[in-house]
Amino acid sequence: MNETYIKAIEQAAEFLKGKGMDHPEIGLILGSGLGELADEAEDAVEVPYEDIPGFPVSTVEGHAGKLVYGTLGDRKVIAMQGRFHFYEGYTFNEVTFPVRVMKALGVSSLMVTNAAGGVNESFTPGDLMIITDHINMTGDNPLLGPNDATFGPRFTDMSQAYDRGYQETIEKVAKENDISIQKGVYLGLTGPTYETPAEVRMVRILGGDAVGMSTVPEVIVARHAGLKVAGISCITNYAAGMQESLNHDEVVEVTTRVKDSFKTLVKRVITEL
């Protein structure tokens, strides 16, 4: 982590504080088709990514490209309506830059959401899945390079990447609200191609229940920064080889269909984190 990167984090954080984004408790990263949740924040302050010093710009359909600060579930949150991906041409340092900025603003917990392909044969499109763990198959790691100990340890413990207490909270809230919930391991690849049927068989053999193109680098950096993490995937399709073809329109359509139960779950979980 070089001085230029550290200075950029500080500049972005100071800019956002100047916009009134002060002392958020929980960070939210809202994936494809799931960003509408941030629109329900009360007393909201919205800033487009392109206005924030050092921020990349989201280029993916279904990602609004705004940072939203406000009250959700009686907690102060800062939410990303859309994230950045390695496949857009960004480095992992750029992909995870907002997590560093959230930490600098005072966030202590991070909830990550994503749209994912279902590899577990018991899953169906529209299911919500508690992420219990992940497998990094991107071939990269955002912590490569010099480490600044003020940001986190050289060797980060990932044995509880997704906080077990948070997992229990999500499961409890889902049950209380009659929301069907699955649990499983998320395997991260780079994209932007969807996986081949052979790759999906590999994911299943390796122990992945869902597969996607995000989340893993953000969670690694969050844990490095000492943030507690909760993760939820929306299973938007059967993975390759389990249905005839794959396309992004289907991803957005399915997340739109389940958005009400998703929003209810996340809002009520936030209250209890």
C-alpha atoms as a PDB file:
ATOM      1  CA  MET A   1       0.000   0.000   0.000  1.00  0.00           C
ATOM      2  CA  ASN A   2       1.764   3.118  -1.209  1.00  0.00           C
ATOM      3  CA  GLU A   3       1.514   6.698   0.041  1.00  0.00           C
ATOM      4  CA  THR A   4      -0.510   7.846  -2.979  1.00  0.00           C
ATOM      5  CA  TYR A   5      -3.191   5.211  -2.283  1.00  0.00           C
ATOM      6  CA  ILE A   6      -3.303   6.075   1.425  1.00  0.00           C
ATOM      7  CA  LYS A   7      -3.621   9.784   0.631  1.00  0.00           C
ATOM      8  CA  ALA A   8      -6.458   9.035  -1.815  1.00  0.00           C
ATOM      9  CA  ILE A   9      -8.360   7.173   0.923  1.00  0.00           C
ATOM     10  CA  GLU A  10      -7.945  10.127   3.268  1.00  0.00           C
ATOM     11  CA  GLN A  11      -9.045  12.636   0.608  1.00  0.00           C
ATOM     12  CA  ALA A  12     -12.170  10.639  -0.268  1.00  0.00           C
ATOM     13  CA  ALA A  13     -13.096  10.248   3.399  1.00  0.00           C
ATOM     14  CA  GLU A  14     -12.659  13.972   4.085  1.00  0.00           C
ATOM     15  CA  PHE A  15     -14.736  14.851   1.016  1.00  0.00           C
ATOM     16  CA  LEU A  16     -17.582  12.586   2.178  1.00  0.00           C
ATOM     17  CA  LYS A  17     -17.439  13.922   5.727  1.00  0.00           C
ATOM     18  CA  GLY A  18     -17.864  17.367   4.191  1.00  0.00           C
ATOM     19  CA  LYS A  19     -21.053  16.080   2.567  1.00  0.00           C
ATOM     20  CA  GLY A  20     -22.389  15.050   5.968  1.00  0.00           C
ATOM     21  CA  MET A  21     -21.422  11.376   5.813  1.00  0.00           C
ATOM     22  CA  ASP A  22     -20.121  11.212   9.351  1.00  0.00           C
ATOM     23  CA  HIS A  23     -19.742   8.164  11.612  1.00  0.00           C
ATOM     24  CA  PRO A  24     -21.704   5.505   9.722  1.00  0.00           C
ATOM     25  CA  GLU A  25     -21.959   2.237  11.662  1.00  0.00           C
ATOM     26  CA  ILE A  26     -22.579  -0.273   8.878  1.00  0.00           C
ATOM     27  CA  GLY A  27     -21.377  -0.381   5.289  1.00  0.00           C
ATOM     28  CA  LEU A  28     -23.513  -1.989   2.582  1.00  0.00           C
ATOM     29  CA  ILE A  29     -22.368  -3.156  -0.826  1.00  0.00           C
ATOM     30  CA  LEU A  30     -25.432  -3.745  -3.004  1.00  0.00           C
ATOM     31  CA  GLY A  31     -24.940  -5.896  -6.091  1.00  0.00           C
ATOM     32  CA  SER A  32     -26.731  -6.258  -9.437  1.00  0.00           C
ATOM     33  CA  GLY A  33     -30.413  -5.363  -9.174  1.00  0.00           C
ATOM     34  CA  LEU A  34     -30.246  -4.996  -5.373  1.00  0.00           C
ATOM     35  CA  GLY A  35     -29.378  -1.314  -5.068  1.00  0.00           C
ATOM     36  CA  GLU A  36     -32.981  -0.190  -4.574  1.00  0.00           C
ATOM     37  CA  LEU A  37     -32.630  -0.917  -0.854  1.00  0.00           C
ATOM     38  CA  ALA A  38     -30.530   2.229  -0.445  1.00  0.00           C
ATOM     39  CA  ASP A  39     -33.461   4.324  -1.712  1.00  0.00           C
ATOM     40  CA  GLU A  40     -35.261   3.522   1.560  1.00  0.00           C
ATOM     41  CA  ALA A  41     -32.630   5.204   3.722  1.00  0.00           C
ATOM     42  CA  GLU A  42     -34.089   8.096   5.723  1.00  0.00           C
ATOM     43  CA  ASP A  43     -32.502  11.569   5.708  1.00  0.00           C
ATOM     44  CA  ALA A  44     -30.383  10.340   2.840  1.00  0.00           C
ATOM     45  CA  VAL A  45     -27.328  12.034   1.391  1.00  0.00           C
ATOM     46  CA  GLU A  46     -26.436  10.771  -2.104  1.00  0.00           C
ATOM     47  CA  VAL A  47     -23.168  11.325  -3.927  1.00  0.00           C
ATOM     48  CA  PRO A  48     -22.448   9.950  -7.431  1.00  0.00           C
ATOM     49  CA  TYR A  49     -19.236   7.944  -7.612  1.00  0.00           C
ATOM     50  CA  GLU A  50     -17.780  10.254 -10.243  1.00  0.00           C
ATOM     51  CA  ASP A  51     -17.910  13.163  -7.761  1.00  0.00           C
ATOM     52  CA  ILE A  52     -15.862  11.366  -5.093  1.00  0.00           C
ATOM     53  CA  PRO A  53     -12.066  11.853  -5.299  1.00  0.00           C
ATOM     54  CA  GLY A  54     -10.316   8.592  -6.190  1.00  0.00           C
ATOM     55  CA  PHE A  55     -13.511   6.572  -6.730  1.00  0.00           C
ATOM     56  CA  PRO A  56     -13.840   4.396  -9.809  1.00  0.00           C
ATOM     57  CA  VAL A  57     -17.121   4.503 -11.764  1.00  0.00           C
ATOM     58  CA  SER A  58     -19.461   1.516 -12.064  1.00  0.00           C
ATOM     59  CA  THR A  59     -20.129   0.487 -15.677  1.00  0.00           C
ATOM     60  CA  VAL A  60     -22.479  -2.471 -15.167  1.00  0.00           C
ATOM     61  CA  GLU A  61     -26.224  -2.482 -15.885  1.00  0.00           C
ATOM     62  CA  GLY A  62     -28.190  -2.710 -12.646  1.00  0.00           C
ATOM     63  CA  HIS A  63     -25.583  -0.695 -10.715  1.00  0.00           C
ATOM     64  CA  ALA A  64     -26.735   2.891 -10.074  1.00  0.00           C
ATOM     65  CA  GLY A  65     -23.261   4.192  -9.217  1.00  0.00           C
ATOM     66  CA  LYS A  66     -24.050   6.226  -6.090  1.00  0.00           C
ATOM     67  CA  LEU A  67     -22.937   6.282  -2.479  1.00  0.00           C
ATOM     68  CA  VAL A  68     -25.909   6.735  -0.141  1.00  0.00           C
ATOM     69  CA  TYR A  69     -25.698   7.700   3.542  1.00  0.00           C
ATOM     70  CA  GLY A  70     -28.681   7.679   5.870  1.00  0.00           C
ATOM     71  CA  THR A  71     -30.686   5.779   8.461  1.00  0.00           C
ATOM     72  CA  LEU A  72     -31.849   2.248   7.670  1.00  0.00           C
ATOM     73  CA  GLY A  73     -33.206  -0.088  10.309  1.00  0.00           C
ATOM     74  CA  ASP A  74     -32.457   2.550  12.976  1.00  0.00           C
ATOM     75  CA  ARG A  75     -28.754   2.418  12.125  1.00  0.00           C
ATOM     76  CA  LYS A  76     -26.523   4.866  10.315  1.00  0.00           C
ATOM     77  CA  VAL A  77     -25.455   3.177   7.099  1.00  0.00           C
ATOM     78  CA  ILE A  78     -23.379   4.019   4.061  1.00  0.00           C
ATOM     79  CA  ALA A  79     -24.437   2.039   1.017  1.00  0.00           C
ATOM     80  CA  MET A  80     -22.856   1.461  -2.359  1.00  0.00           C
ATOM     81  CA  GLN A  81     -25.523   1.308  -5.058  1.00  0.00           C
ATOM     82  CA  GLY A  82     -23.390  -0.778  -7.366  1.00  0.00           C
ATOM     83  CA  ARG A  83     -19.860  -2.041  -6.944  1.00  0.00           C
ATOM     84  CA  PHE A  84     -16.693  -2.246  -9.030  1.00  0.00           C
ATOM     85  CA  HIS A  85     -15.370  -5.417 -10.618  1.00  0.00           C
ATOM     86  CA  PHE A  86     -12.011  -6.740 -11.711  1.00  0.00           C
ATOM     87  CA  TYR A  87     -13.521  -7.565 -15.117  1.00  0.00           C
ATOM     88  CA  GLU A  88     -14.286  -3.868 -15.724  1.00  0.00           C
ATOM     89  CA  GLY A  89     -10.538  -3.334 -15.944  1.00  0.00           C
ATOM     90  CA  TYR A  90     -10.037  -2.127 -12.379  1.00  0.00           C
ATOM     91  CA  THR A  91      -7.258  -3.408 -10.146  1.00  0.00           C
ATOM     92  CA  PHE A  92      -8.169  -5.053  -6.856  1.00  0.00           C
ATOM     93  CA  ASN A  93      -6.886  -1.917  -5.103  1.00  0.00           C
ATOM     94  CA  GLU A  94      -9.479   0.094  -7.029  1.00  0.00           C
ATOM     95  CA  VAL A  95     -12.236  -2.505  -6.528  1.00  0.00           C
ATOM     96  CA  THR A  96     -11.720  -2.420  -2.750  1.00  0.00           C
ATOM     97  CA  PHE A  97     -11.030   1.312  -2.412  1.00  0.00           C
ATOM     98  CA  PRO A  98     -14.581   2.053  -1.120  1.00  0.00           C
ATOM     99  CA  VAL A  99     -14.153  -0.491   1.697  1.00  0.00           C
ATOM    100  CA  ARG A 100     -11.048   1.373   2.865  1.00  0.00           C
ATOM    101  CA  VAL A 101     -12.951   4.659   2.691  1.00  0.00           C
ATOM    102  CA  MET A 102     -15.867   3.199   4.691  1.00  0.00           C
ATOM    103  CA  LYS A 103     -13.407   2.110   7.367  1.00  0.00           C
ATOM    104  CA  ALA A 104     -11.881   5.595   7.425  1.00  0.00           C
ATOM    105  CA  LEU A 105     -15.372   7.047   7.944  1.00  0.00           C
ATOM    106  CA  GLY A 106     -15.915   4.846  11.011  1.00  0.00           C
ATOM    107  CA  VAL A 107     -17.765   1.763   9.763  1.00  0.00           C
ATOM    108  CA  SER A 108     -17.287  -1.301  11.992  1.00  0.00           C
ATOM    109  CA  SER A 109     -19.387  -3.839  10.082  1.00  0.00           C
ATOM    110  CA  LEU A 110     -19.893  -4.580   6.389  1.00  0.00           C
ATOM    111  CA  MET A 111     -22.780  -6.356   4.700  1.00  0.00           C
ATOM    112  CA  VAL A 112     -22.034  -7.557   1.174  1.00  0.00           C
ATOM    113  CA  THR A 113     -24.682  -8.704  -1.269  1.00  0.00           C
ATOM    114  CA  ASN A 114     -24.402 -10.116  -4.749  1.00  0.00           C
ATOM    115  CA  ALA A 115     -26.183 -11.877  -7.559  1.00  0.00           C
ATOM    116  CA  ALA A 116     -24.786 -15.392  -7.987  1.00  0.00           C
ATOM    117  CA  GLY A 117     -25.270 -18.538 -10.010  1.00  0.00           C
ATOM    118  CA  GLY A 118     -26.553 -21.541  -8.101  1.00  0.00           C
ATOM    119  CA  VAL A 119     -24.200 -24.521  -8.207  1.00  0.00           C
ATOM    120  CA  ASN A 120     -25.773 -26.476  -5.360  1.00  0.00           C
ATOM    121  CA  GLU A 121     -28.426 -28.605  -7.046  1.00  0.00           C
ATOM    122  CA  SER A 122     -30.899 -27.977  -4.212  1.00  0.00           C
ATOM    123  CA  PHE A 123     -30.950 -24.224  -4.945  1.00  0.00           C
ATOM    124  CA  THR A 124     -33.461 -22.557  -7.276  1.00  0.00           C
ATOM    125  CA  PRO A 125     -33.398 -19.083  -8.867  1.00  0.00           C
ATOM    126  CA  GLY A 126     -34.809 -16.540  -6.434  1.00  0.00           C
ATOM    127  CA  ASP A 127     -33.314 -18.196  -3.348  1.00  0.00           C
ATOM    128  CA  LEU A 128     -31.388 -16.054  -0.873  1.00  0.00           C
ATOM    129  CA  MET A 129     -28.209 -17.618   0.514  1.00  0.00           C
ATOM    130  CA  ILE A 130     -26.276 -16.760   3.655  1.00  0.00           C
ATOM    131  CA  ILE A 131     -22.603 -16.780   2.664  1.00  0.00           C
ATOM    132  CA  THR A 132     -20.863 -18.995   5.215  1.00  0.00           C
ATOM    133  CA  ASP A 133     -17.430 -18.871   3.577  1.00  0.00           C
ATOM    134  CA  HIS A 134     -15.775 -18.188   0.253  1.00  0.00           C
ATOM    135  CA  ILE A 135     -13.182 -19.638  -2.098  1.00  0.00           C
ATOM    136  CA  ASN A 136     -10.907 -17.195  -3.904  1.00  0.00           C
ATOM    137  CA  MET A 137     -10.360 -18.471  -7.441  1.00  0.00           C
ATOM    138  CA  THR A 138      -9.595 -15.101  -8.999  1.00  0.00           C
ATOM    139  CA  GLY A 139      -5.860 -15.742  -9.129  1.00  0.00           C
ATOM    140  CA  ASP A 140      -5.232 -12.463  -7.305  1.00  0.00           C
ATOM    141  CA  ASN A 141      -5.412 -10.942  -3.835  1.00  0.00           C
ATOM    142  CA  PRO A 142      -5.946  -7.268  -2.903  1.00  0.00           C
ATOM    143  CA  LEU A 143      -3.377  -7.518  -0.098  1.00  0.00           C
ATOM    144  CA  LEU A 144      -0.451  -8.334  -2.381  1.00  0.00           C
ATOM    145  CA  GLY A 145       2.404  -5.862  -2.099  1.00  0.00           C
ATOM    146  CA  PRO A 146       3.764  -3.808   0.814  1.00  0.00           C
ATOM    147  CA  ASN A 147       1.591  -3.835   3.948  1.00  0.00           C
ATOM    148  CA  ASP A 148       0.866  -0.793   6.122  1.00  0.00           C
ATOM    149  CA  ALA A 149       0.294  -2.116   9.645  1.00  0.00           C
ATOM    150  CA  THR A 150      -1.912   0.876  10.494  1.00  0.00           C
ATOM    151  CA  PHE A 151      -4.477  -0.495   8.038  1.00  0.00           C
ATOM    152  CA  GLY A 152      -4.239  -4.147   9.077  1.00  0.00           C
ATOM    153  CA  PRO A 153      -1.896  -7.097   9.694  1.00  0.00           C
ATOM    154  CA  ARG A 154       0.515  -8.489   7.141  1.00  0.00           C
ATOM    155  CA  PHE A 155      -1.131 -11.919   7.422  1.00  0.00           C
ATOM    156  CA  THR A 156      -4.901 -11.663   7.780  1.00  0.00           C
ATOM    157  CA  ASP A 157      -6.822 -14.454   9.487  1.00  0.00           C
ATOM    158  CA  MET A 158      -9.681 -15.581   7.216  1.00  0.00           C
ATOM    159  CA  SER A 159     -10.883 -18.463   9.384  1.00  0.00           C
ATOM    160  CA  GLN A 160     -14.074 -16.484  10.107  1.00  0.00           C
ATOM    161  CA  ALA A 161     -14.329 -14.327   7.001  1.00  0.00           C
ATOM    162  CA  TYR A 162     -18.105 -14.130   7.466  1.00  0.00           C
ATOM    163  CA  ASP A 163     -18.946 -13.579  11.107  1.00  0.00           C
ATOM    164  CA  ARG A 164     -20.709 -16.621  12.591  1.00  0.00           C
ATOM    165  CA  GLY A 165     -22.821 -14.495  14.915  1.00  0.00           C
ATOM    166  CA  TYR A 166     -24.016 -12.442  11.935  1.00  0.00           C
ATOM    167  CA  GLN A 167     -24.870 -15.653  10.068  1.00  0.00           C
ATOM    168  CA  GLU A 168     -27.025 -16.750  13.003  1.00  0.00           C
ATOM    169  CA  THR A 169     -28.719 -13.341  13.067  1.00  0.00           C
ATOM    170  CA  ILE A 170     -29.585 -13.530   9.351  1.00  0.00           C
ATOM    171  CA  GLU A 171     -30.986 -17.032   9.776  1.00  0.00           C
ATOM    172  CA  LYS A 172     -33.057 -15.986  12.809  1.00  0.00           C
ATOM    173  CA  VAL A 173     -34.469 -12.884  11.104  1.00  0.00           C
ATOM    174  CA  ALA A 174     -35.330 -14.889   7.980  1.00  0.00           C
ATOM    175  CA  LYS A 175     -37.218 -17.429  10.062  1.00  0.00           C
ATOM    176  CA  GLU A 176     -39.101 -14.718  11.972  1.00  0.00           C
ATOM    177  CA  ASN A 177     -40.213 -13.146   8.691  1.00  0.00           C
ATOM    178  CA  ASP A 178     -41.044 -16.384   6.829  1.00  0.00           C
ATOM    179  CA  ILE A 179     -38.252 -15.777   4.312  1.00  0.00           C
ATOM    180  CA  SER A 180     -36.777 -18.939   2.868  1.00  0.00           C
ATOM    181  CA  ILE A 181     -33.002 -18.902   3.260  1.00  0.00           C
ATOM    182  CA  GLN A 182     -30.187 -21.158   2.112  1.00  0.00           C
ATOM    183  CA  LYS A 183     -26.615 -21.350   3.400  1.00  0.00           C
ATOM    184  CA  GLY A 184     -23.492 -22.005   1.402  1.00  0.00           C
ATOM    185  CA  VAL A 185     -20.006 -21.244   0.144  1.00  0.00           C
ATOM    186  CA  TYR A 186     -19.484 -18.548  -2.498  1.00  0.00           C
ATOM    187  CA  LEU A 187     -16.737 -19.141  -5.044  1.00  0.00           C
ATOM    188  CA  GLY A 188     -15.346 -16.046  -6.729  1.00  0.00           C
ATOM    189  CA  LEU A 189     -14.015 -16.004 -10.302  1.00  0.00           C
ATOM    190  CA  THR A 190     -13.072 -12.977 -12.376  1.00  0.00           C
ATOM    191  CA  GLY A 191     -15.622 -13.082 -15.211  1.00  0.00           C
ATOM    192  CA  PRO A 192     -16.803 -11.410 -17.344  1.00  0.00           C
ATOM    193  CA  THR A 193     -17.658 -14.678 -19.083  1.00  0.00           C
ATOM    194  CA  TYR A 194     -20.121 -16.927 -17.342  1.00  0.00           C
ATOM    195  CA  GLU A 195     -18.576 -20.236 -16.343  1.00  0.00           C
ATOM    196  CA  THR A 196     -18.467 -23.222 -18.656  1.00  0.00           C
ATOM    197  CA  PRO A 197     -20.297 -26.387 -17.600  1.00  0.00           C
ATOM    198  CA  ALA A 198     -16.888 -27.971 -16.904  1.00  0.00           C
ATOM    199  CA  GLU A 199     -15.932 -25.047 -14.652  1.00  0.00           C
ATOM    200  CA  VAL A 200     -19.219 -25.376 -12.770  1.00  0.00           C
ATOM    201  CA  ARG A 201     -18.487 -29.066 -12.173  1.00  0.00           C
ATOM    202  CA  MET A 202     -15.084 -27.979 -10.818  1.00  0.00           C
ATOM    203  CA  VAL A 203     -16.746 -25.443  -8.491  1.00  0.00           C
ATOM    204  CA  ARG A 204     -19.055 -28.139  -7.150  1.00  0.00           C
ATOM    205  CA  ILE A 205     -16.135 -30.541  -6.565  1.00  0.00           C
ATOM    206  CA  LEU A 206     -14.225 -27.778  -4.737  1.00  0.00           C
ATOM    207  CA  GLY A 207     -17.165 -27.185  -2.397  1.00  0.00           C
ATOM    208  CA  GLY A 208     -18.789 -24.089  -3.902  1.00  0.00           C
ATOM    209  CA  ASP A 209     -22.556 -23.696  -3.605  1.00  0.00           C
ATOM    210  CA  ALA A 210     -22.770 -20.466  -5.603  1.00  0.00           C
ATOM    211  CA  VAL A 211     -20.455 -18.756  -8.062  1.00  0.00           C
ATOM    212  CA  GLY A 212     -19.970 -15.105  -8.968  1.00  0.00           C
ATOM    213  CA  MET A 213     -17.624 -12.342 -10.085  1.00  0.00           C
ATOM    214  CA  SER A 214     -17.385 -10.089  -7.015  1.00  0.00           C
ATOM    215  CA  THR A 215     -17.404  -9.963  -3.199  1.00  0.00           C
ATOM    216  CA  VAL A 216     -14.234 -11.953  -2.437  1.00  0.00           C
ATOM    217  CA  PRO A 217     -11.718  -9.056  -2.717  1.00  0.00           C
ATOM    218  CA  GLU A 218     -14.018  -6.729  -0.759  1.00  0.00           C
ATOM    219  CA  VAL A 219     -14.353  -9.238   2.079  1.00  0.00           C
ATOM    220  CA  ILE A 220     -10.592  -9.857   2.199  1.00  0.00           C
ATOM    221  CA  VAL A 221      -9.952  -6.115   2.595  1.00  0.00           C
ATOM    222  CA  ALA A 222     -12.777  -5.763   5.121  1.00  0.00           C
ATOM    223  CA  ARG A 223     -11.255  -8.475   7.290  1.00  0.00           C
ATOM    224  CA  HIS A 224      -7.792  -6.940   6.896  1.00  0.00           C
ATOM    225  CA  ALA A 225      -9.309  -3.675   8.167  1.00  0.00           C
ATOM    226  CA  GLY A 226     -10.885  -5.434  11.161  1.00  0.00           C
ATOM    227  CA  LEU A 227     -14.493  -5.160   9.949  1.00  0.00           C
ATOM    228  CA  LYS A 228     -17.022  -7.848  10.820  1.00  0.00           C
ATOM    229  CA  VAL A 229     -18.712  -9.151   7.666  1.00  0.00           C
ATOM    230  CA  ALA A 230     -22.137 -10.511   6.776  1.00  0.00           C
ATOM    231  CA  GLY A 231     -22.883 -11.771   3.268  1.00  0.00           C
ATOM    232  CA  ILE A 232     -26.043 -12.621   1.314  1.00  0.00           C
ATOM    233  CA  SER A 233     -26.242 -13.929  -2.251  1.00  0.00           C
ATOM    234  CA  CYS A 234     -29.326 -13.773  -4.410  1.00  0.00           C
ATOM    235  CA  ILE A 235     -29.329 -16.950  -6.522  1.00  0.00           C
ATOM    236  CA  THR A 236     -30.409 -15.543  -9.867  1.00  0.00           C
ATOM    237  CA  ASN A 237     -29.930 -18.531 -12.146  1.00  0.00           C
ATOM    238  CA  TYR A 238     -28.817 -22.107 -12.368  1.00  0.00           C
ATOM    239  CA  ALA A 239     -25.110 -22.215 -13.213  1.00  0.00           C
ATOM    240  CA  ALA A 240     -23.872 -23.262 -16.663  1.00  0.00           C
ATOM    241  CA  GLY A 241     -24.810 -26.795 -17.655  1.00  0.00           C
ATOM    242  CA  MET A 242     -27.854 -26.684 -15.343  1.00  0.00           C
ATOM    243  CA  GLN A 243     -29.948 -24.513 -17.693  1.00  0.00           C
ATOM    244  CA  GLU A 244     -29.907 -23.856 -21.419  1.00  0.00           C
ATOM    245  CA  SER A 245     -28.149 -20.460 -21.471  1.00  0.00           C
ATOM    246  CA  LEU A 246     -27.133 -17.535 -19.235  1.00  0.00           C
ATOM    247  CA  ASN A 247     -27.605 -13.779 -19.602  1.00  0.00           C
ATOM    248  CA  HIS A 248     -27.458 -10.644 -17.441  1.00  0.00           C
ATOM    249  CA  ASP A 249     -31.085  -9.695 -18.168  1.00  0.00           C
ATOM    250  CA  GLU A 250     -32.142 -12.791 -16.240  1.00  0.00           C
ATOM    251  CA  VAL A 251     -29.959 -11.734 -13.301  1.00  0.00           C
ATOM    252  CA  VAL A 252     -31.651  -8.334 -13.085  1.00  0.00           C
ATOM    253  CA  GLU A 253     -35.139  -9.851 -13.605  1.00  0.00           C
ATOM    254  CA  VAL A 254     -34.755 -12.349 -10.765  1.00  0.00           C
ATOM    255  CA  THR A 255     -33.307  -9.829  -8.312  1.00  0.00           C
ATOM    256  CA  THR A 256     -36.215  -7.512  -9.140  1.00  0.00           C
ATOM    257  CA  ARG A 257     -38.659 -10.340  -8.430  1.00  0.00           C
ATOM    258  CA  VAL A 258     -37.237 -11.077  -4.967  1.00  0.00           C
ATOM    259  CA  LYS A 259     -36.355  -7.500  -4.001  1.00  0.00           C
ATOM    260  CA  ASP A 260     -39.139  -7.148  -1.432  1.00  0.00           C
ATOM    261  CA  SER A 261     -38.084 -10.163   0.643  1.00  0.00           C
ATOM    262  CA  PHE A 262     -34.435  -9.166   0.186  1.00  0.00           C
ATOM    263  CA  LYS A 263     -35.079  -5.614   1.418  1.00  0.00           C
ATOM    264  CA  THR A 264     -37.102  -6.836   4.379  1.00  0.00           C
ATOM    265  CA  LEU A 265     -34.386  -9.281   5.371  1.00  0.00           C
ATOM    266  CA  VAL A 266     -31.493  -6.812   5.113  1.00  0.00           C
ATOM    267  CA  LYS A 267     -33.291  -3.969   6.896  1.00  0.00           C
ATOM    268  CA  ARG A 268     -34.267  -6.158   9.816  1.00  0.00           C
ATOM    269  CA  VAL A 269     -30.841  -7.793  10.002  1.00  0.00           C
ATOM    270  CA  ILE A 270     -29.185  -4.362  10.102  1.00  0.00           C
ATOM    271  CA  THR A 271     -31.275  -3.462  13.145  1.00  0.00           C
ATOM    272  CA  GLU A 272     -29.838  -6.464  15.000  1.00  0.00           C
ATOM    273  CA  LEU A 273     -26.202  -6.376  13.898  1.00  0.00           C
END
